Amino acid sequence: MAKFNFYLGAAASAWLLAILIVAAELISQFKTFLANAFTHHWIGKAVIVYSAFVVFGFLLQNKKSILNFSDEKAAWYSMLGSLR
């Protein structure tokens, strides 16, 4: 039985963080909601991204690749892509 999949959890959370950043900048109500719910919009993003990391890490624990990329490469490409 496989354990927690760190790589795919990191890949999913990197994509989610990029989406949250764009959404918060384009939709001011979303940014305000995050700030009101978590005292600051970045704290809200951090809580959501950490939760996604844990959830997807456990949900995808048996997968070794995604879209013909190994889970390790998918994580690295996602992390580097979210830095742009």
Protein backbone atom coordinates (compact mmCIF):
# COMPACT_ATOMS: atom_id res chain seq x y z
CA MET A 1 0.00 0.00 0.00
CA ALA A 2 1.32 3.39 -0.98
CA LYS A 3 1.70 6.21 1.48
CA PHE A 4 1.12 9.91 1.09
CA ASN A 5 2.12 11.12 -2.40
CA PHE A 6 4.16 14.24 -1.66
CA TYR A 7 4.88 14.96 -5.32
CA LEU A 8 1.30 15.02 -6.60
CA GLY A 9 0.13 16.85 -3.49
CA ALA A 10 2.73 19.52 -4.22
CA ALA A 11 1.77 19.66 -7.91
CA ALA A 12 -1.94 20.06 -7.16
CA SER A 13 -1.32 22.70 -4.51
CA ALA A 14 1.00 24.66 -6.83
CA TRP A 15 -1.68 24.78 -9.52
CA LEU A 16 -4.29 25.76 -6.95
CA LEU A 17 -2.10 28.56 -5.61
CA ALA A 18 -1.64 29.99 -9.10
CA ILE A 19 -5.41 29.88 -9.66
CA LEU A 20 -6.12 31.50 -6.28
CA ILE A 21 -3.68 34.32 -6.95
CA VAL A 22 -5.21 35.13 -10.33
CA ALA A 23 -8.75 34.84 -8.97
CA ALA A 24 -8.00 37.12 -6.01
CA GLU A 25 -6.51 39.75 -8.30
CA LEU A 26 -9.35 39.64 -10.83
CA ILE A 27 -12.28 39.26 -8.41
CA SER A 28 -12.04 41.79 -5.61
CA GLN A 29 -14.93 40.17 -3.72
CA PHE A 30 -12.96 36.92 -3.50
CA LYS A 31 -9.93 38.74 -2.11
CA THR A 32 -12.15 40.52 0.41
CA PHE A 33 -13.75 37.20 1.39
CA LEU A 34 -10.33 35.66 2.03
CA ALA A 35 -9.27 38.67 4.09
CA ASN A 36 -12.46 38.63 6.16
CA ALA A 37 -12.45 34.87 6.72
CA PHE A 38 -8.74 34.49 7.55
CA THR A 39 -7.67 38.00 8.72
CA HIS A 40 -5.50 38.41 5.59
CA HIS A 41 -5.93 37.14 2.03
CA TRP A 42 -2.50 35.45 1.99
CA ILE A 43 -3.30 33.52 5.17
CA GLY A 44 -6.50 32.35 3.50
CA LYS A 45 -4.60 31.20 0.44
CA ALA A 46 -2.06 29.40 2.63
CA VAL A 47 -4.78 27.52 4.54
CA ILE A 48 -6.56 26.50 1.34
CA VAL A 49 -3.33 25.43 -0.40
CA TYR A 50 -2.10 23.45 2.62
CA SER A 51 -5.47 21.70 2.86
CA ALA A 52 -5.33 20.85 -0.85
CA PHE A 53 -1.77 19.53 -0.43
CA VAL A 54 -2.91 17.11 2.28
CA VAL A 55 -6.13 16.07 0.55
CA PHE A 56 -4.59 15.49 -2.89
CA GLY A 57 -1.54 13.81 -1.38
CA PHE A 58 -3.79 11.18 0.16
CA LEU A 59 -6.27 10.96 -2.73
CA LEU A 60 -3.51 10.40 -5.28
CA GLN A 61 -1.36 8.13 -3.11
CA ASN A 62 -1.46 5.22 -5.58
CA LYS A 63 -0.70 7.23 -8.73
CA LYS A 64 2.85 7.26 -10.04
CA SER A 65 2.31 9.49 -13.05
CA ILE A 66 -0.05 12.08 -14.40
CA LEU A 67 -0.40 13.07 -18.07
CA ASN A 68 2.61 10.89 -19.00
CA PHE A 69 4.85 12.69 -16.49
CA SER A 70 6.22 10.91 -13.46
CA ASP A 71 4.83 12.28 -10.23
CA GLU A 72 8.23 13.77 -9.37
CA LYS A 73 8.55 15.61 -12.70
CA ALA A 74 4.94 16.81 -12.48
CA ALA A 75 5.66 18.30 -9.06
CA TRP A 76 8.82 20.07 -10.23
CA TYR A 77 7.22 21.44 -13.39
CA SER A 78 4.19 22.63 -11.42
CA MET A 79 6.26 24.31 -8.73
CA LEU A 80 8.49 26.05 -11.27
CA GLY A 81 5.48 27.06 -13.34
CA SER A 82 3.75 28.61 -10.34
CA LEU A 83 6.77 30.85 -9.72
CA ARG A 84 6.22 32.79 -12.94
